[in-house]
């Protein structure tokens, strides 16, 4: 029986695994995140680095542009719709903090073992290695 993804998931780890076995954590080993799969087929996700510095302004669009860019580089978020297809979940992204993803469809092969949902990205070929992102989640709502 396929897993029902509906609900709220808490981030356990975001790791990048290179083809040589090297593992890095883009937002550190204690990153925070929340992934929501709603029953109506909508979804939203946000991941952040821990201990983010505050900005010396009350305006989220104001203040020093470089400080703001640095702060927003420690956060990744998008929302849209989703559909489970066999052993993958397809995210159809409406809007994203990373604007290049807005309007895209992203297929995430997944496994579910021992209460952990592990979403994987397709391999990305970089200048020094091929990398797969593994994003590990546990149910927050039960």
C-alpha atoms as a PDB file:
ATOM      1  CA  UNK A   1       0.000   0.000   0.000  1.00  0.00           C
ATOM      2  CA  UNK A   2       1.457   3.384  -0.951  1.00  0.00           C
ATOM      3  CA  UNK A   3       2.248   5.884   1.767  1.00  0.00           C
ATOM      4  CA  UNK A   4      -0.180   8.740   2.347  1.00  0.00           C
ATOM      5  CA  UNK A   5       1.987  11.872   2.375  1.00  0.00           C
ATOM      6  CA  UNK A   6      -0.837  14.103   3.610  1.00  0.00           C
ATOM      7  CA  UNK A   7       0.180  16.036   6.701  1.00  0.00           C
ATOM      8  CA  UNK A   8       2.982  18.069   8.183  1.00  0.00           C
ATOM      9  CA  UNK A   9       6.596  16.914   8.076  1.00  0.00           C
ATOM     10  CA  UNK A  10       9.572  18.236  10.072  1.00  0.00           C
ATOM     11  CA  UNK A  11      13.050  18.430   8.544  1.00  0.00           C
ATOM     12  CA  UNK A  12      15.584  15.981   9.935  1.00  0.00           C
ATOM     13  CA  UNK A  13      18.417  16.639   7.476  1.00  0.00           C
ATOM     14  CA  UNK A  14      19.247  18.154   4.123  1.00  0.00           C
ATOM     15  CA  UNK A  15      22.373  16.543   2.825  1.00  0.00           C
ATOM     16  CA  UNK A  16      24.163  16.627  -0.492  1.00  0.00           C
ATOM     17  CA  UNK A  17      25.787  13.325  -1.350  1.00  0.00           C
ATOM     18  CA  UNK A  18      28.536  13.465  -3.984  1.00  0.00           C
ATOM     19  CA  UNK A  19      29.393  10.500  -6.174  1.00  0.00           C
ATOM     20  CA  UNK A  20      32.657  10.092  -4.240  1.00  0.00           C
ATOM     21  CA  UNK A  21      30.672   9.636  -0.994  1.00  0.00           C
ATOM     22  CA  UNK A  22      31.325  13.123   0.387  1.00  0.00           C
ATOM     23  CA  UNK A  23      28.345  14.468   2.351  1.00  0.00           C
ATOM     24  CA  UNK A  24      27.715  18.170   2.968  1.00  0.00           C
ATOM     25  CA  UNK A  25      24.826  19.992   4.632  1.00  0.00           C
ATOM     26  CA  UNK A  26      23.911  23.201   2.727  1.00  0.00           C
ATOM     27  CA  UNK A  27      22.231  24.823   5.753  1.00  0.00           C
ATOM     28  CA  UNK A  28      24.294  23.028   8.397  1.00  0.00           C
ATOM     29  CA  UNK A  29      23.588  19.855  10.320  1.00  0.00           C
ATOM     30  CA  UNK A  30      20.864  21.501  12.419  1.00  0.00           C
ATOM     31  CA  UNK A  31      18.782  23.057   9.644  1.00  0.00           C
ATOM     32  CA  UNK A  32      15.082  23.668  10.265  1.00  0.00           C
ATOM     33  CA  UNK A  33      12.222  23.028   7.912  1.00  0.00           C
ATOM     34  CA  UNK A  34       8.578  22.249   7.433  1.00  0.00           C
ATOM     35  CA  UNK A  35       6.896  20.430   4.551  1.00  0.00           C
ATOM     36  CA  UNK A  36       3.110  20.420   4.259  1.00  0.00           C
ATOM     37  CA  UNK A  37       1.145  18.141   1.943  1.00  0.00           C
ATOM     38  CA  UNK A  38      -2.542  19.107   2.114  1.00  0.00           C
ATOM     39  CA  UNK A  39      -5.396  16.735   1.304  1.00  0.00           C
ATOM     40  CA  UNK A  40      -6.515  19.021  -1.539  1.00  0.00           C
ATOM     41  CA  UNK A  41      -3.218  18.480  -3.421  1.00  0.00           C
ATOM     42  CA  UNK A  42      -1.529  21.724  -2.368  1.00  0.00           C
ATOM     43  CA  UNK A  43       1.937  21.778  -0.800  1.00  0.00           C
ATOM     44  CA  UNK A  44       4.412  24.184   0.755  1.00  0.00           C
ATOM     45  CA  UNK A  45       7.959  23.776   2.007  1.00  0.00           C
ATOM     46  CA  UNK A  46      10.461  25.982   3.813  1.00  0.00           C
ATOM     47  CA  UNK A  47      13.970  25.178   5.015  1.00  0.00           C
ATOM     48  CA  UNK A  48      16.346  27.492   6.880  1.00  0.00           C
ATOM     49  CA  UNK A  49      19.773  27.442   8.437  1.00  0.00           C
ATOM     50  CA  UNK A  50      19.814  27.517  12.244  1.00  0.00           C
ATOM     51  CA  UNK A  51      20.717  30.634  14.211  1.00  0.00           C
ATOM     52  CA  UNK A  52      20.039  33.081  11.390  1.00  0.00           C
ATOM     53  CA  UNK A  53      21.183  36.628  12.131  1.00  0.00           C
ATOM     54  CA  UNK A  54      18.497  39.244  12.478  1.00  0.00           C
ATOM     55  CA  UNK A  55      18.521  42.336  10.288  1.00  0.00           C
ATOM     56  CA  UNK A  56      18.765  45.870  11.692  1.00  0.00           C
ATOM     57  CA  UNK A  57      15.351  46.827  10.279  1.00  0.00           C
ATOM     58  CA  UNK A  58      11.668  46.057  10.816  1.00  0.00           C
ATOM     59  CA  UNK A  59      11.001  46.137   7.059  1.00  0.00           C
ATOM     60  CA  UNK A  60      11.496  42.710   5.398  1.00  0.00           C
ATOM     61  CA  UNK A  61      12.139  44.501   2.093  1.00  0.00           C
ATOM     62  CA  UNK A  62      14.237  47.328   3.530  1.00  0.00           C
ATOM     63  CA  UNK A  63      17.634  47.849   5.042  1.00  0.00           C
ATOM     64  CA  UNK A  64      20.989  47.044   3.560  1.00  0.00           C
ATOM     65  CA  UNK A  65      20.520  44.982   0.358  1.00  0.00           C
ATOM     66  CA  UNK A  66      23.646  42.876   0.981  1.00  0.00           C
ATOM     67  CA  UNK A  67      22.605  41.968   4.534  1.00  0.00           C
ATOM     68  CA  UNK A  68      19.165  41.073   3.217  1.00  0.00           C
ATOM     69  CA  UNK A  69      20.673  38.948   0.408  1.00  0.00           C
ATOM     70  CA  UNK A  70      22.919  37.176   2.912  1.00  0.00           C
ATOM     71  CA  UNK A  71      19.943  36.436   5.183  1.00  0.00           C
ATOM     72  CA  UNK A  72      17.728  35.230   2.366  1.00  0.00           C
ATOM     73  CA  UNK A  73      20.528  32.932   1.180  1.00  0.00           C
ATOM     74  CA  UNK A  74      19.952  30.870   4.321  1.00  0.00           C
ATOM     75  CA  UNK A  75      16.339  30.095   3.401  1.00  0.00           C
ATOM     76  CA  UNK A  76      14.664  28.072   0.668  1.00  0.00           C
ATOM     77  CA  UNK A  77      10.888  28.064   0.209  1.00  0.00           C
ATOM     78  CA  UNK A  78       8.252  27.317  -2.381  1.00  0.00           C
ATOM     79  CA  UNK A  79       4.583  26.393  -2.721  1.00  0.00           C
ATOM     80  CA  UNK A  80       2.381  24.772  -5.308  1.00  0.00           C
ATOM     81  CA  UNK A  81       0.650  21.452  -5.835  1.00  0.00           C
ATOM     82  CA  UNK A  82       1.780  17.853  -5.632  1.00  0.00           C
ATOM     83  CA  UNK A  83       0.908  14.407  -6.878  1.00  0.00           C
ATOM     84  CA  UNK A  84       2.303  11.014  -5.924  1.00  0.00           C
ATOM     85  CA  UNK A  85       3.324   8.908  -8.927  1.00  0.00           C
ATOM     86  CA  UNK A  86       4.572   5.438  -8.021  1.00  0.00           C
ATOM     87  CA  UNK A  87       7.791   5.921  -5.991  1.00  0.00           C
ATOM     88  CA  UNK A  88       8.021   9.685  -6.561  1.00  0.00           C
ATOM     89  CA  UNK A  89       6.221  12.844  -5.586  1.00  0.00           C
ATOM     90  CA  UNK A  90       5.889  15.522  -8.257  1.00  0.00           C
ATOM     91  CA  UNK A  91       5.984  19.118  -7.033  1.00  0.00           C
ATOM     92  CA  UNK A  92       4.389  21.612  -9.412  1.00  0.00           C
ATOM     93  CA  UNK A  93       5.854  24.861  -8.148  1.00  0.00           C
ATOM     94  CA  UNK A  94       3.692  27.968  -8.397  1.00  0.00           C
ATOM     95  CA  UNK A  95       6.153  30.372  -6.778  1.00  0.00           C
ATOM     96  CA  UNK A  96       9.568  29.995  -5.153  1.00  0.00           C
ATOM     97  CA  UNK A  97      12.003  32.132  -3.202  1.00  0.00           C
ATOM     98  CA  UNK A  98      14.433  30.921  -5.894  1.00  0.00           C
ATOM     99  CA  UNK A  99      12.611  32.451  -8.877  1.00  0.00           C
ATOM    100  CA  UNK A 100      14.084  30.011 -11.427  1.00  0.00           C
ATOM    101  CA  UNK A 101      11.886  27.269  -9.945  1.00  0.00           C
ATOM    102  CA  UNK A 102       8.604  29.189 -10.258  1.00  0.00           C
ATOM    103  CA  UNK A 103       6.406  27.439 -12.817  1.00  0.00           C
ATOM    104  CA  UNK A 104       8.571  24.290 -12.833  1.00  0.00           C
ATOM    105  CA  UNK A 105       7.670  20.691 -12.172  1.00  0.00           C
ATOM    106  CA  UNK A 106      10.139  18.752 -10.029  1.00  0.00           C
ATOM    107  CA  UNK A 107      10.029  15.000  -9.570  1.00  0.00           C
ATOM    108  CA  UNK A 108      11.338  13.733  -6.235  1.00  0.00           C
ATOM    109  CA  UNK A 109      11.882   9.973  -5.972  1.00  0.00           C
ATOM    110  CA  UNK A 110      11.307   8.962  -2.365  1.00  0.00           C
ATOM    111  CA  UNK A 111      11.625   6.170   0.135  1.00  0.00           C
ATOM    112  CA  UNK A 112       9.785   5.754   3.422  1.00  0.00           C
ATOM    113  CA  UNK A 113      11.498   3.643   6.060  1.00  0.00           C
ATOM    114  CA  UNK A 114      11.470   3.641   9.858  1.00  0.00           C
ATOM    115  CA  UNK A 115       9.224   6.710   9.922  1.00  0.00           C
ATOM    116  CA  UNK A 116      11.522   8.753   7.676  1.00  0.00           C
ATOM    117  CA  UNK A 117      10.450  10.169   4.333  1.00  0.00           C
ATOM    118  CA  UNK A 118      13.533  10.723   2.166  1.00  0.00           C
ATOM    119  CA  UNK A 119      13.052  12.847  -0.945  1.00  0.00           C
ATOM    120  CA  UNK A 120      15.853  12.832  -3.510  1.00  0.00           C
ATOM    121  CA  UNK A 121      16.680  15.143  -6.357  1.00  0.00           C
ATOM    122  CA  UNK A 122      17.897  13.860  -9.706  1.00  0.00           C
ATOM    123  CA  UNK A 123      21.718  13.832  -9.911  1.00  0.00           C
ATOM    124  CA  UNK A 124      23.217  17.236 -10.679  1.00  0.00           C
ATOM    125  CA  UNK A 125      26.526  17.300 -12.496  1.00  0.00           C
ATOM    126  CA  UNK A 126      28.813  19.956 -11.027  1.00  0.00           C
ATOM    127  CA  UNK A 127      32.358  21.028 -11.805  1.00  0.00           C
ATOM    128  CA  UNK A 128      33.881  18.584  -9.299  1.00  0.00           C
ATOM    129  CA  UNK A 129      31.238  15.917  -8.673  1.00  0.00           C
ATOM    130  CA  UNK A 130      27.774  14.622  -9.388  1.00  0.00           C
ATOM    131  CA  UNK A 131      25.508  15.357  -6.425  1.00  0.00           C
ATOM    132  CA  UNK A 132      22.152  14.057  -5.190  1.00  0.00           C
ATOM    133  CA  UNK A 133      20.276  16.038  -2.554  1.00  0.00           C
ATOM    134  CA  UNK A 134      18.596  13.922   0.109  1.00  0.00           C
ATOM    135  CA  UNK A 135      15.999  15.715   2.215  1.00  0.00           C
ATOM    136  CA  UNK A 136      14.899  13.685   5.231  1.00  0.00           C
ATOM    137  CA  UNK A 137      11.561  14.349   6.953  1.00  0.00           C
ATOM    138  CA  UNK A 138       9.573  12.877   9.856  1.00  0.00           C
ATOM    139  CA  UNK A 139       5.883  13.377  10.522  1.00  0.00           C
ATOM    140  CA  UNK A 140       5.278  16.268  12.850  1.00  0.00           C
ATOM    141  CA  UNK A 141       1.584  15.596  13.190  1.00  0.00           C
ATOM    142  CA  UNK A 142       1.644  12.078  14.460  1.00  0.00           C
END
